[in-house]
Amino acid sequence: MDFQAGILQDGSPMENLEKQLICPICLEMFSKPVVILPCQHNLCRKCANDVFQAANPYWQSRGSMISGGRFRCPSCRHEVLLDRHGVYGLQRNLLVENIIDIYKQECSSRPLKKGEHPMCKEHEDERINIYCVTCEVPTCSMCKVFGAHKDCEVAPLQTVFQGQKTELNNCISMLMAGNDRIQTIISQLEDSCRSTEENSEAAKQELCARFDTVAELLEEKKSELLERITREQNDKMGFVRGLICQYKEQLEKSSQLVETAIQAMEETGGATFLMSAKQLIKTIVEASKGSRLEKIEHGYENMDTFSVSLDHLAEAVRTLDFDPAEEDEEYFDGEEEEVEE
């Protein structure tokens, strides 16, 4: 990861200058004394020594008679050869040290940011300042150099923070759009329930009006058909109301997720945010896919199948049904002339 980019970038001059003063090991501003490698890249002396010690575990001290060692520059992977003095034999970059002093004096008047920065559990003195892309967790520089994330791919914390915050914002928009669709479906289901009830009542009234025009002979059949309409009505309304309950439950869960996600969006600390953002995003995506709830077919609320015609003779009343049997057709044909009279 090369942090020695050109100064001519977007942002304020102080921000661009700060980017040039970041150590590629600890991702913090160079601490004194700064050493300059043969490849012209800079490191904190402590960071350079940590990398050197890790690459040369048998190297003991500056006074040792053991010959020097080697390690690779973390910026360009150039192999750095050191003598028996180790890192202490490298040249200090006094120019960078002076620039850092001037920069700190310039920034001393800036207000401090509120809130504590999370610290690494494995290295208590190290701040969590990078993100392990491989393990998908925030971590510290020491974990990258010596710890559990030594062989992992890492990225700047702020970059991942902004990326996942944008992703979570998109998830919130997706959830809210889904909630609007669910609310529309609930309204349609409620309208369907009301229409089913209204149409059922209309069918009952029509049936009663037809049966009231005939003799008491139709009373028993009327009661039977009314019971069938009521049973169908209860079945349909019970099914639709069950769907309404399911959609309301899904809407409530989704609304709770929206509130949780909005609260997470208010988090300003990158590391604190990233500790829960990944799981929250995963939960939102899974909830957005969701179980596809059942819907009713078009015209489900219609009760037209319960309509009957009472233009028959009284002798045919006992055979009345919503769907007359085929064997009764001959009987009706034979009585056609009588019905016309």
C-alpha atoms as a PDB file:
ATOM      1  CA  MET A   1       0.000   0.000   0.000  1.00  0.00           C
ATOM      2  CA  ASP A   2       1.799   3.139  -1.223  1.00  0.00           C
ATOM      3  CA  PHE A   3       0.937   6.291   0.684  1.00  0.00           C
ATOM      4  CA  GLN A   4       3.561   8.420  -1.105  1.00  0.00           C
ATOM      5  CA  ALA A   5       1.080   9.803  -3.619  1.00  0.00           C
ATOM      6  CA  GLY A   6       1.362  13.278  -5.123  1.00  0.00           C
ATOM      7  CA  ILE A   7       0.277  16.231  -3.076  1.00  0.00           C
ATOM      8  CA  LEU A   8      -1.944  17.632  -5.824  1.00  0.00           C
ATOM      9  CA  GLN A   9      -5.178  15.875  -4.833  1.00  0.00           C
ATOM     10  CA  ASP A  10      -8.705  16.835  -3.954  1.00  0.00           C
ATOM     11  CA  GLY A  11      -9.225  18.264  -0.491  1.00  0.00           C
ATOM     12  CA  SER A  12      -7.611  20.984   1.588  1.00  0.00           C
ATOM     13  CA  PRO A  13      -3.800  21.459   1.533  1.00  0.00           C
ATOM     14  CA  MET A  14      -3.553  20.360   5.178  1.00  0.00           C
ATOM     15  CA  GLU A  15      -5.450  17.145   4.429  1.00  0.00           C
ATOM     16  CA  ASN A  16      -3.223  16.423   1.437  1.00  0.00           C
ATOM     17  CA  LEU A  17      -0.129  17.099   3.542  1.00  0.00           C
ATOM     18  CA  GLU A  18      -1.364  14.760   6.264  1.00  0.00           C
ATOM     19  CA  LYS A  19      -1.710  11.935   3.741  1.00  0.00           C
ATOM     20  CA  GLN A  20       1.993  12.287   2.894  1.00  0.00           C
ATOM     21  CA  LEU A  21       2.961  11.935   6.559  1.00  0.00           C
ATOM     22  CA  ILE A  22       1.229   8.580   7.188  1.00  0.00           C
ATOM     23  CA  CYS A  23       3.343   5.525   8.050  1.00  0.00           C
ATOM     24  CA  PRO A  24       2.335   2.496   5.921  1.00  0.00           C
ATOM     25  CA  ILE A  25       2.792   0.198   8.943  1.00  0.00           C
ATOM     26  CA  CYS A  26       0.825   1.832  11.752  1.00  0.00           C
ATOM     27  CA  LEU A  27      -1.231   4.079   9.433  1.00  0.00           C
ATOM     28  CA  GLU A  28      -0.534   6.921  11.857  1.00  0.00           C
ATOM     29  CA  MET A  29       1.572  10.032  11.374  1.00  0.00           C
ATOM     30  CA  PHE A  30       5.315   9.290  11.410  1.00  0.00           C
ATOM     31  CA  SER A  31       6.725   9.338  14.924  1.00  0.00           C
ATOM     32  CA  LYS A  32      10.260  10.524  15.678  1.00  0.00           C
ATOM     33  CA  PRO A  33      12.750   9.559  14.593  1.00  0.00           C
ATOM     34  CA  VAL A  34      11.742   8.870  11.013  1.00  0.00           C
ATOM     35  CA  VAL A  35      14.048   6.617   8.984  1.00  0.00           C
ATOM     36  CA  ILE A  36      14.509   6.742   5.247  1.00  0.00           C
ATOM     37  CA  LEU A  37      14.946   3.425   3.424  1.00  0.00           C
ATOM     38  CA  PRO A  38      17.246   2.907   0.428  1.00  0.00           C
ATOM     39  CA  CYS A  39      14.141   2.919  -1.763  1.00  0.00           C
ATOM     40  CA  GLN A  40      13.406   6.464  -0.490  1.00  0.00           C
ATOM     41  CA  HIS A  41      10.298   5.432   1.454  1.00  0.00           C
ATOM     42  CA  ASN A  42       9.868   6.455   5.101  1.00  0.00           C
ATOM     43  CA  LEU A  43       8.884   4.510   8.203  1.00  0.00           C
ATOM     44  CA  CYS A  44       8.601   5.166  11.905  1.00  0.00           C
ATOM     45  CA  ARG A  45      11.735   3.795  13.514  1.00  0.00           C
ATOM     46  CA  LYS A  46       9.656   1.669  15.873  1.00  0.00           C
ATOM     47  CA  CYS A  47       7.617   0.255  12.974  1.00  0.00           C
ATOM     48  CA  ALA A  48      10.744  -0.405  10.920  1.00  0.00           C
ATOM     49  CA  ASN A  49      12.316  -2.169  13.879  1.00  0.00           C
ATOM     50  CA  ASP A  50       9.179  -4.271  14.443  1.00  0.00           C
ATOM     51  CA  VAL A  51       9.183  -5.410  10.819  1.00  0.00           C
ATOM     52  CA  PHE A  52      12.934  -6.079  10.932  1.00  0.00           C
ATOM     53  CA  GLN A  53      12.646  -8.091  14.158  1.00  0.00           C
ATOM     54  CA  ALA A  54       9.796 -10.140  12.690  1.00  0.00           C
ATOM     55  CA  ALA A  55      11.810 -10.923   9.561  1.00  0.00           C
ATOM     56  CA  ASN A  56      15.008 -11.644  11.570  1.00  0.00           C
ATOM     57  CA  PRO A  57      13.970 -13.349  14.826  1.00  0.00           C
ATOM     58  CA  TYR A  58      17.570 -14.350  15.703  1.00  0.00           C
ATOM     59  CA  TRP A  59      18.955 -10.808  15.463  1.00  0.00           C
ATOM     60  CA  GLN A  60      19.623  -9.690  19.032  1.00  0.00           C
ATOM     61  CA  SER A  61      20.834  -6.099  19.401  1.00  0.00           C
ATOM     62  CA  ARG A  62      22.981  -3.342  17.995  1.00  0.00           C
ATOM     63  CA  GLY A  63      25.994  -4.571  19.930  1.00  0.00           C
ATOM     64  CA  SER A  64      25.722  -8.099  18.635  1.00  0.00           C
ATOM     65  CA  MET A  65      28.490  -9.401  16.407  1.00  0.00           C
ATOM     66  CA  ILE A  66      25.916 -11.178  14.278  1.00  0.00           C
ATOM     67  CA  SER A  67      25.754  -9.745  10.780  1.00  0.00           C
ATOM     68  CA  GLY A  68      22.789  -7.669   9.759  1.00  0.00           C
ATOM     69  CA  GLY A  69      19.559  -8.865   8.252  1.00  0.00           C
ATOM     70  CA  ARG A  70      17.006  -7.945   5.630  1.00  0.00           C
ATOM     71  CA  PHE A  71      13.344  -7.171   5.236  1.00  0.00           C
ATOM     72  CA  ARG A  72      11.057  -5.826   2.517  1.00  0.00           C
ATOM     73  CA  CYS A  73       9.745  -2.280   2.341  1.00  0.00           C
ATOM     74  CA  PRO A  74       5.982  -2.411   3.070  1.00  0.00           C
ATOM     75  CA  SER A  75       5.352   0.280   0.441  1.00  0.00           C
ATOM     76  CA  CYS A  76       7.176  -1.069  -2.625  1.00  0.00           C
ATOM     77  CA  ARG A  77       8.368  -4.540  -1.475  1.00  0.00           C
ATOM     78  CA  HIS A  78      11.963  -3.524  -2.206  1.00  0.00           C
ATOM     79  CA  GLU A  79      14.419  -5.668  -0.242  1.00  0.00           C
ATOM     80  CA  VAL A  80      16.283  -3.623   2.367  1.00  0.00           C
ATOM     81  CA  LEU A  81      19.689  -4.937   3.512  1.00  0.00           C
ATOM     82  CA  LEU A  82      20.872  -3.842   6.975  1.00  0.00           C
ATOM     83  CA  ASP A  83      24.233  -4.160   8.681  1.00  0.00           C
ATOM     84  CA  ARG A  84      24.851  -5.308  12.241  1.00  0.00           C
ATOM     85  CA  HIS A  85      23.379  -2.039  13.525  1.00  0.00           C
ATOM     86  CA  GLY A  86      19.976  -3.058  12.186  1.00  0.00           C
ATOM     87  CA  VAL A  87      17.366  -0.330  11.844  1.00  0.00           C
ATOM     88  CA  TYR A  88      19.539   2.046  13.870  1.00  0.00           C
ATOM     89  CA  GLY A  89      21.972   2.128  10.985  1.00  0.00           C
ATOM     90  CA  LEU A  90      19.367   3.733   8.707  1.00  0.00           C
ATOM     91  CA  GLN A  91      19.476   7.448   8.030  1.00  0.00           C
ATOM     92  CA  ARG A  92      16.985   9.739   9.773  1.00  0.00           C
ATOM     93  CA  ASN A  93      14.784  11.910   7.575  1.00  0.00           C
ATOM     94  CA  LEU A  94      15.172  15.248   9.322  1.00  0.00           C
ATOM     95  CA  LEU A  95      13.182  17.042   6.641  1.00  0.00           C
ATOM     96  CA  VAL A  96      10.083  14.922   7.317  1.00  0.00           C
ATOM     97  CA  GLU A  97      10.574  15.339  11.057  1.00  0.00           C
ATOM     98  CA  ASN A  98      10.626  19.130  10.674  1.00  0.00           C
ATOM     99  CA  ILE A  99       7.536  19.052   8.451  1.00  0.00           C
ATOM    100  CA  ILE A 100       5.694  16.985  11.070  1.00  0.00           C
ATOM    101  CA  ASP A 101       6.629  19.450  13.800  1.00  0.00           C
ATOM    102  CA  ILE A 102       5.346  22.355  11.707  1.00  0.00           C
ATOM    103  CA  TYR A 103       2.164  20.431  10.828  1.00  0.00           C
ATOM    104  CA  LYS A 104       1.432  19.627  14.469  1.00  0.00           C
ATOM    105  CA  GLN A 105       1.917  23.251  15.464  1.00  0.00           C
ATOM    106  CA  GLU A 106      -0.457  24.296  12.678  1.00  0.00           C
ATOM    107  CA  CYS A 107      -3.094  21.769  13.786  1.00  0.00           C
ATOM    108  CA  SER A 108      -2.728  22.449  17.519  1.00  0.00           C
ATOM    109  CA  SER A 109      -5.557  24.984  17.383  1.00  0.00           C
ATOM    110  CA  ARG A 110      -8.004  22.555  15.806  1.00  0.00           C
ATOM    111  CA  PRO A 111     -10.832  21.282  18.094  1.00  0.00           C
ATOM    112  CA  LEU A 112     -10.446  17.706  19.218  1.00  0.00           C
ATOM    113  CA  LYS A 113     -12.937  15.149  17.977  1.00  0.00           C
ATOM    114  CA  LYS A 114     -15.374  13.840  20.534  1.00  0.00           C
ATOM    115  CA  GLY A 115     -15.630  10.202  21.517  1.00  0.00           C
ATOM    116  CA  GLU A 116     -13.059   7.596  22.373  1.00  0.00           C
ATOM    117  CA  HIS A 117     -11.363   5.595  19.659  1.00  0.00           C
ATOM    118  CA  PRO A 118     -11.765   1.790  20.071  1.00  0.00           C
ATOM    119  CA  MET A 119      -8.585  -0.003  21.112  1.00  0.00           C
ATOM    120  CA  CYS A 120      -7.369  -3.432  20.017  1.00  0.00           C
ATOM    121  CA  LYS A 121      -8.123  -6.246  22.468  1.00  0.00           C
ATOM    122  CA  GLU A 122      -4.899  -8.095  21.560  1.00  0.00           C
ATOM    123  CA  HIS A 123      -2.685  -4.977  21.666  1.00  0.00           C
ATOM    124  CA  GLU A 124      -4.153  -2.686  24.323  1.00  0.00           C
ATOM    125  CA  ASP A 125      -1.955   0.278  23.400  1.00  0.00           C
ATOM    126  CA  GLU A 126      -2.864   0.127  19.706  1.00  0.00           C
ATOM    127  CA  ARG A 127      -5.875   1.868  18.201  1.00  0.00           C
ATOM    128  CA  ILE A 128      -8.104   0.057  15.736  1.00  0.00           C
ATOM    129  CA  ASN A 129      -7.092   1.892  12.582  1.00  0.00           C
ATOM    130  CA  ILE A 130      -7.305  -0.563   9.660  1.00  0.00           C
ATOM    131  CA  TYR A 131      -9.845  -3.020   8.284  1.00  0.00           C
ATOM    132  CA  CYS A 132      -9.073  -6.664   7.480  1.00  0.00           C
ATOM    133  CA  VAL A 133     -10.768  -7.331   4.156  1.00  0.00           C
ATOM    134  CA  THR A 134     -10.101 -11.074   4.406  1.00  0.00           C
ATOM    135  CA  CYS A 135     -11.691 -11.553   7.848  1.00  0.00           C
ATOM    136  CA  GLU A 136     -14.106  -8.612   7.474  1.00  0.00           C
ATOM    137  CA  VAL A 137     -13.282  -7.089  10.878  1.00  0.00           C
ATOM    138  CA  PRO A 138     -11.607  -3.860  12.062  1.00  0.00           C
ATOM    139  CA  THR A 139      -8.164  -4.413  13.556  1.00  0.00           C
ATOM    140  CA  CYS A 140      -4.912  -2.643  14.426  1.00  0.00           C
ATOM    141  CA  SER A 141      -1.592  -2.320  12.650  1.00  0.00           C
ATOM    142  CA  MET A 142       0.198  -4.665  15.043  1.00  0.00           C
ATOM    143  CA  CYS A 143      -2.274  -7.432  14.226  1.00  0.00           C
ATOM    144  CA  LYS A 144      -1.408  -6.922  10.565  1.00  0.00           C
ATOM    145  CA  VAL A 145       2.355  -6.983  11.157  1.00  0.00           C
ATOM    146  CA  PHE A 146       2.624  -9.731  13.783  1.00  0.00           C
ATOM    147  CA  GLY A 147      -0.835 -10.917  14.779  1.00  0.00           C
ATOM    148  CA  ALA A 148      -3.714 -12.953  13.452  1.00  0.00           C
ATOM    149  CA  HIS A 149      -4.103 -10.808  10.319  1.00  0.00           C
ATOM    150  CA  LYS A 150      -0.478 -10.969   9.207  1.00  0.00           C
ATOM    151  CA  ASP A 151      -1.319 -12.785   5.965  1.00  0.00           C
ATOM    152  CA  CYS A 152      -4.607 -10.998   5.339  1.00  0.00           C
ATOM    153  CA  GLU A 153      -5.484  -8.213   2.954  1.00  0.00           C
ATOM    154  CA  VAL A 154      -6.192  -4.917   4.699  1.00  0.00           C
ATOM    155  CA  ALA A 155      -7.629  -1.571   3.686  1.00  0.00           C
ATOM    156  CA  PRO A 156      -7.867   1.904   5.269  1.00  0.00           C
ATOM    157  CA  LEU A 157     -10.598   2.019   7.890  1.00  0.00           C
ATOM    158  CA  GLN A 158     -12.177   5.186   6.541  1.00  0.00           C
ATOM    159  CA  THR A 159     -12.532   3.733   3.030  1.00  0.00           C
ATOM    160  CA  VAL A 160     -14.417   0.661   4.263  1.00  0.00           C
ATOM    161  CA  PHE A 161     -16.391   2.816   6.698  1.00  0.00           C
ATOM    162  CA  GLN A 162     -17.673   5.072   3.917  1.00  0.00           C
ATOM    163  CA  GLY A 163     -18.362   2.104   1.617  1.00  0.00           C
ATOM    164  CA  GLN A 164     -20.414   0.133   4.120  1.00  0.00           C
ATOM    165  CA  LYS A 165     -22.213   3.237   5.330  1.00  0.00           C
ATOM    166  CA  THR A 166     -23.263   3.906   1.739  1.00  0.00           C
ATOM    167  CA  GLU A 167     -24.336   0.272   1.384  1.00  0.00           C
ATOM    168  CA  LEU A 168     -26.386   0.452   4.582  1.00  0.00           C
ATOM    169  CA  ASN A 169     -28.022   3.650   3.368  1.00  0.00           C
ATOM    170  CA  ASN A 170     -29.031   1.850   0.173  1.00  0.00           C
ATOM    171  CA  CYS A 171     -30.414  -1.012   2.250  1.00  0.00           C
ATOM    172  CA  ILE A 172     -32.535   1.440   4.255  1.00  0.00           C
ATOM    173  CA  SER A 173     -33.939   2.871   1.029  1.00  0.00           C
ATOM    174  CA  MET A 174     -34.657  -0.660  -0.181  1.00  0.00           C
ATOM    175  CA  LEU A 175     -36.447  -1.520   3.074  1.00  0.00           C
ATOM    176  CA  MET A 176     -38.537   1.611   3.017  1.00  0.00           C
ATOM    177  CA  ALA A 177     -39.563   0.948  -0.591  1.00  0.00           C
ATOM    178  CA  GLY A 178     -40.483  -2.601   0.408  1.00  0.00           C
ATOM    179  CA  ASN A 179     -42.537  -1.289   3.319  1.00  0.00           C
ATOM    180  CA  ASP A 180     -44.473   0.946   0.954  1.00  0.00           C
ATOM    181  CA  ARG A 181     -45.264  -2.049  -1.240  1.00  0.00           C
ATOM    182  CA  ILE A 182     -46.371  -4.088   1.777  1.00  0.00           C
ATOM    183  CA  GLN A 183     -48.612  -1.277   2.982  1.00  0.00           C
ATOM    184  CA  THR A 184     -50.192  -1.103  -0.476  1.00  0.00           C
ATOM    185  CA  ILE A 185     -50.858  -4.853  -0.422  1.00  0.00           C
ATOM    186  CA  ILE A 186     -52.380  -4.593   3.073  1.00  0.00           C
ATOM    187  CA  SER A 187     -54.704  -1.829   1.869  1.00  0.00           C
ATOM    188  CA  GLN A 188     -55.711  -3.938  -1.133  1.00  0.00           C
ATOM    189  CA  LEU A 189     -56.364  -6.943   1.112  1.00  0.00           C
ATOM    190  CA  GLU A 190     -58.471  -4.844   3.469  1.00  0.00           C
ATOM    191  CA  ASP A 191     -60.461  -3.531   0.488  1.00  0.00           C
ATOM    192  CA  SER A 192     -60.862  -7.099  -0.726  1.00  0.00           C
ATOM    193  CA  CYS A 193     -62.126  -8.159   2.690  1.00  0.00           C
ATOM    194  CA  ARG A 194     -64.671  -5.356   2.726  1.00  0.00           C
ATOM    195  CA  SER A 195     -65.737  -6.146  -0.844  1.00  0.00           C
ATOM    196  CA  THR A 196     -66.093  -9.829   0.035  1.00  0.00           C
ATOM    197  CA  GLU A 197     -68.318  -8.926   2.957  1.00  0.00           C
ATOM    198  CA  GLU A 198     -70.355  -6.451   0.916  1.00  0.00           C
ATOM    199  CA  ASN A 199     -70.741  -8.831  -2.030  1.00  0.00           C
ATOM    200  CA  SER A 200     -71.648 -11.651   0.312  1.00  0.00           C
ATOM    201  CA  GLU A 201     -74.336  -9.515   1.900  1.00  0.00           C
ATOM    202  CA  ALA A 202     -75.577  -8.506  -1.553  1.00  0.00           C
ATOM    203  CA  ALA A 203     -75.732 -12.163  -2.626  1.00  0.00           C
ATOM    204  CA  LYS A 204     -77.626 -13.032   0.560  1.00  0.00           C
ATOM    205  CA  GLN A 205     -80.136 -10.245   0.027  1.00  0.00           C
ATOM    206  CA  GLU A 206     -80.682 -11.231  -3.581  1.00  0.00           C
ATOM    207  CA  LEU A 207     -81.136 -14.848  -2.623  1.00  0.00           C
ATOM    208  CA  CYS A 208     -83.542 -13.943   0.178  1.00  0.00           C
ATOM    209  CA  ALA A 209     -85.530 -11.703  -2.175  1.00  0.00           C
ATOM    210  CA  ARG A 210     -85.866 -14.555  -4.660  1.00  0.00           C
ATOM    211  CA  PHE A 211     -86.845 -17.127  -2.052  1.00  0.00           C
ATOM    212  CA  ASP A 212     -89.328 -14.769  -0.384  1.00  0.00           C
ATOM    213  CA  THR A 213     -91.327 -14.702  -3.615  1.00  0.00           C
ATOM    214  CA  VAL A 214     -92.080 -18.372  -3.485  1.00  0.00           C
ATOM    215  CA  ALA A 215     -93.961 -20.542  -1.082  1.00  0.00           C
ATOM    216  CA  GLU A 216     -92.846 -22.048   2.191  1.00  0.00           C
ATOM    217  CA  LEU A 217     -91.675 -25.023   0.151  1.00  0.00           C
ATOM    218  CA  LEU A 218     -88.470 -23.077  -0.585  1.00  0.00           C
ATOM    219  CA  GLU A 219     -87.713 -22.309   3.075  1.00  0.00           C
ATOM    220  CA  GLU A 220     -85.682 -25.420   3.749  1.00  0.00           C
ATOM    221  CA  LYS A 221     -83.666 -25.063   0.531  1.00  0.00           C
ATOM    222  CA  LYS A 222     -83.130 -21.367   1.255  1.00  0.00           C
ATOM    223  CA  SER A 223     -81.613 -22.125   4.632  1.00  0.00           C
ATOM    224  CA  GLU A 224     -79.327 -24.695   3.096  1.00  0.00           C
ATOM    225  CA  LEU A 225     -78.025 -22.305   0.431  1.00  0.00           C
ATOM    226  CA  LEU A 226     -77.597 -19.469   2.938  1.00  0.00           C
ATOM    227  CA  GLU A 227     -75.451 -21.716   5.052  1.00  0.00           C
ATOM    228  CA  ARG A 228     -73.252 -22.538   2.057  1.00  0.00           C
ATOM    229  CA  ILE A 229     -72.794 -18.838   1.246  1.00  0.00           C
ATOM    230  CA  THR A 230     -71.948 -18.049   4.852  1.00  0.00           C
ATOM    231  CA  ARG A 231     -69.468 -20.913   4.987  1.00  0.00           C
ATOM    232  CA  GLU A 232     -67.768 -19.698   1.808  1.00  0.00           C
ATOM    233  CA  GLN A 233     -67.769 -16.142   3.131  1.00  0.00           C
ATOM    234  CA  ASN A 234     -66.161 -17.194   6.404  1.00  0.00           C
ATOM    235  CA  ASP A 235     -63.566 -19.262   4.570  1.00  0.00           C
ATOM    236  CA  LYS A 236     -62.628 -16.405   2.265  1.00  0.00           C
ATOM    237  CA  MET A 237     -62.643 -13.713   4.926  1.00  0.00           C
ATOM    238  CA  GLY A 238     -60.733 -15.930   7.335  1.00  0.00           C
ATOM    239  CA  PHE A 239     -58.086 -16.569   4.675  1.00  0.00           C
ATOM    240  CA  VAL A 240     -57.785 -12.880   3.748  1.00  0.00           C
ATOM    241  CA  ARG A 241     -57.614 -11.765   7.382  1.00  0.00           C
ATOM    242  CA  GLY A 242     -54.900 -14.330   7.986  1.00  0.00           C
ATOM    243  CA  LEU A 243     -52.929 -12.806   5.104  1.00  0.00           C
ATOM    244  CA  ILE A 244     -53.429  -9.334   6.569  1.00  0.00           C
ATOM    245  CA  CYS A 245     -51.977 -10.495   9.893  1.00  0.00           C
ATOM    246  CA  GLN A 246     -48.965 -12.027   8.138  1.00  0.00           C
ATOM    247  CA  TYR A 247     -48.266  -8.866   6.146  1.00  0.00           C
ATOM    248  CA  LYS A 248     -48.635  -6.699   9.256  1.00  0.00           C
ATOM    249  CA  GLU A 249     -46.138  -8.887  11.111  1.00  0.00           C
ATOM    250  CA  GLN A 250     -43.701  -8.604   8.232  1.00  0.00           C
ATOM    251  CA  LEU A 251     -44.212  -4.823   8.128  1.00  0.00           C
ATOM    252  CA  GLU A 252     -43.545  -4.515  11.864  1.00  0.00           C
ATOM    253  CA  LYS A 253     -40.307  -6.524  11.623  1.00  0.00           C
ATOM    254  CA  SER A 254     -39.179  -4.502   8.630  1.00  0.00           C
ATOM    255  CA  SER A 255     -39.978  -1.213  10.386  1.00  0.00           C
ATOM    256  CA  GLN A 256     -37.917  -2.301  13.387  1.00  0.00           C
ATOM    257  CA  LEU A 257     -35.004  -3.048  11.053  1.00  0.00           C
ATOM    258  CA  VAL A 258     -35.361   0.427   9.538  1.00  0.00           C
ATOM    259  CA  GLU A 259     -35.156   2.024  13.004  1.00  0.00           C
ATOM    260  CA  THR A 260     -32.098  -0.064  13.876  1.00  0.00           C
ATOM    261  CA  ALA A 261     -30.399   0.817  10.605  1.00  0.00           C
ATOM    262  CA  ILE A 262     -31.158   4.548  11.019  1.00  0.00           C
ATOM    263  CA  GLN A 263     -29.646   4.461  14.498  1.00  0.00           C
ATOM    264  CA  ALA A 264     -26.558   2.778  13.043  1.00  0.00           C
ATOM    265  CA  MET A 265     -26.316   5.505  10.399  1.00  0.00           C
ATOM    266  CA  GLU A 266     -26.065   8.095  13.177  1.00  0.00           C
ATOM    267  CA  GLU A 267     -22.862   6.440  14.425  1.00  0.00           C
ATOM    268  CA  THR A 268     -19.870   8.642  13.575  1.00  0.00           C
ATOM    269  CA  GLY A 269     -17.114   6.326  14.772  1.00  0.00           C
ATOM    270  CA  GLY A 270     -15.878   4.221  11.897  1.00  0.00           C
ATOM    271  CA  ALA A 271     -14.622   1.288  13.928  1.00  0.00           C
ATOM    272  CA  THR A 272     -17.673   1.219  16.213  1.00  0.00           C
ATOM    273  CA  PHE A 273     -19.942   1.367  13.186  1.00  0.00           C
ATOM    274  CA  LEU A 274     -18.120  -1.413  11.345  1.00  0.00           C
ATOM    275  CA  MET A 275     -18.315  -3.763  14.312  1.00  0.00           C
ATOM    276  CA  SER A 276     -22.066  -4.181  13.733  1.00  0.00           C
ATOM    277  CA  ALA A 277     -22.624  -2.874  10.204  1.00  0.00           C
ATOM    278  CA  LYS A 278     -21.746  -6.073   8.352  1.00  0.00           C
ATOM    279  CA  GLN A 279     -24.181  -8.251  10.287  1.00  0.00           C
ATOM    280  CA  LEU A 280     -26.851  -5.549  10.127  1.00  0.00           C
ATOM    281  CA  ILE A 281     -26.510  -5.274   6.347  1.00  0.00           C
ATOM    282  CA  LYS A 282     -26.677  -9.056   6.025  1.00  0.00           C
ATOM    283  CA  THR A 283     -29.824  -9.140   8.181  1.00  0.00           C
ATOM    284  CA  ILE A 284     -31.455  -6.398   6.089  1.00  0.00           C
ATOM    285  CA  VAL A 285     -30.631  -8.119   2.785  1.00  0.00           C
ATOM    286  CA  GLU A 286     -32.048 -11.427   4.062  1.00  0.00           C
ATOM    287  CA  ALA A 287     -35.144  -9.663   5.406  1.00  0.00           C
ATOM    288  CA  SER A 288     -35.584  -7.830   2.077  1.00  0.00           C
ATOM    289  CA  LYS A 289     -35.570 -11.113   0.176  1.00  0.00           C
ATOM    290  CA  GLY A 290     -37.950 -12.512   2.777  1.00  0.00           C
ATOM    291  CA  SER A 291     -40.477 -15.259   2.498  1.00  0.00           C
ATOM    292  CA  ARG A 292     -42.884 -14.427  -0.285  1.00  0.00           C
ATOM    293  CA  LEU A 293     -46.292 -14.342   1.318  1.00  0.00           C
ATOM    294  CA  GLU A 294     -49.306 -15.728  -0.442  1.00  0.00           C
ATOM    295  CA  LYS A 295     -51.645 -13.428  -2.373  1.00  0.00           C
ATOM    296  CA  ILE A 296     -55.257 -13.787  -3.439  1.00  0.00           C
ATOM    297  CA  GLU A 297     -56.255 -14.149  -7.046  1.00  0.00           C
ATOM    298  CA  HIS A 298     -58.088 -11.446  -8.954  1.00  0.00           C
ATOM    299  CA  GLY A 299     -61.843 -11.601  -8.268  1.00  0.00           C
ATOM    300  CA  TYR A 300     -61.319 -13.701  -5.152  1.00  0.00           C
ATOM    301  CA  GLU A 301     -63.918 -11.640  -3.294  1.00  0.00           C
ATOM    302  CA  ASN A 302     -66.660 -12.231  -5.855  1.00  0.00           C
ATOM    303  CA  MET A 303     -69.629 -14.342  -4.767  1.00  0.00           C
ATOM    304  CA  ASP A 304     -71.239 -14.598  -8.192  1.00  0.00           C
ATOM    305  CA  THR A 305     -71.185 -18.399  -8.114  1.00  0.00           C
ATOM    306  CA  PHE A 306     -73.947 -18.332  -5.470  1.00  0.00           C
ATOM    307  CA  SER A 307     -76.495 -16.658  -7.718  1.00  0.00           C
ATOM    308  CA  VAL A 308     -79.602 -18.698  -8.564  1.00  0.00           C
ATOM    309  CA  SER A 309     -82.631 -18.169 -10.755  1.00  0.00           C
ATOM    310  CA  LEU A 310     -86.074 -18.877  -9.301  1.00  0.00           C
ATOM    311  CA  ASP A 311     -87.948 -18.816 -12.594  1.00  0.00           C
ATOM    312  CA  HIS A 312     -88.680 -22.494 -12.221  1.00  0.00           C
ATOM    313  CA  LEU A 313     -91.812 -24.327 -11.333  1.00  0.00           C
ATOM    314  CA  ALA A 314     -92.546 -25.174  -7.716  1.00  0.00           C
ATOM    315  CA  GLU A 315     -92.064 -28.894  -8.478  1.00  0.00           C
ATOM    316  CA  ALA A 316     -88.401 -28.221  -9.325  1.00  0.00           C
ATOM    317  CA  VAL A 317     -87.595 -26.369  -6.100  1.00  0.00           C
ATOM    318  CA  ARG A 318     -86.349 -29.458  -4.267  1.00  0.00           C
ATOM    319  CA  THR A 319     -83.702 -29.978  -6.974  1.00  0.00           C
ATOM    320  CA  LEU A 320     -82.445 -26.397  -6.887  1.00  0.00           C
ATOM    321  CA  ASP A 321     -78.740 -25.862  -6.420  1.00  0.00           C
ATOM    322  CA  PHE A 322     -76.191 -23.314  -7.378  1.00  0.00           C
ATOM    323  CA  ASP A 323     -75.059 -25.638 -10.144  1.00  0.00           C
ATOM    324  CA  PRO A 324     -77.979 -27.764 -11.374  1.00  0.00           C
ATOM    325  CA  ALA A 325     -77.043 -31.381 -12.163  1.00  0.00           C
ATOM    326  CA  GLU A 326     -76.915 -32.484 -15.811  1.00  0.00           C
ATOM    327  CA  GLU A 327     -79.599 -35.107 -15.279  1.00  0.00           C
ATOM    328  CA  ASP A 328     -82.093 -32.363 -14.452  1.00  0.00           C
ATOM    329  CA  GLU A 329     -81.721 -30.712 -17.865  1.00  0.00           C
ATOM    330  CA  GLU A 330     -84.232 -33.046 -19.537  1.00  0.00           C
ATOM    331  CA  TYR A 331     -86.764 -32.267 -16.830  1.00  0.00           C
ATOM    332  CA  PHE A 332     -86.365 -28.543 -17.338  1.00  0.00           C
ATOM    333  CA  ASP A 333     -86.645 -28.914 -21.133  1.00  0.00           C
ATOM    334  CA  GLY A 334     -89.863 -30.887 -20.786  1.00  0.00           C
ATOM    335  CA  GLU A 335     -91.375 -28.217 -18.607  1.00  0.00           C
ATOM    336  CA  GLU A 336     -90.266 -25.333 -20.826  1.00  0.00           C
ATOM    337  CA  GLU A 337     -93.643 -24.798 -22.439  1.00  0.00           C
ATOM    338  CA  GLU A 338     -95.405 -24.863 -19.093  1.00  0.00           C
ATOM    339  CA  VAL A 339     -92.977 -22.315 -17.685  1.00  0.00           C
ATOM    340  CA  GLU A 340     -93.602 -20.003 -20.648  1.00  0.00           C
ATOM    341  CA  GLU A 341     -97.380 -20.221 -20.055  1.00  0.00           C
END
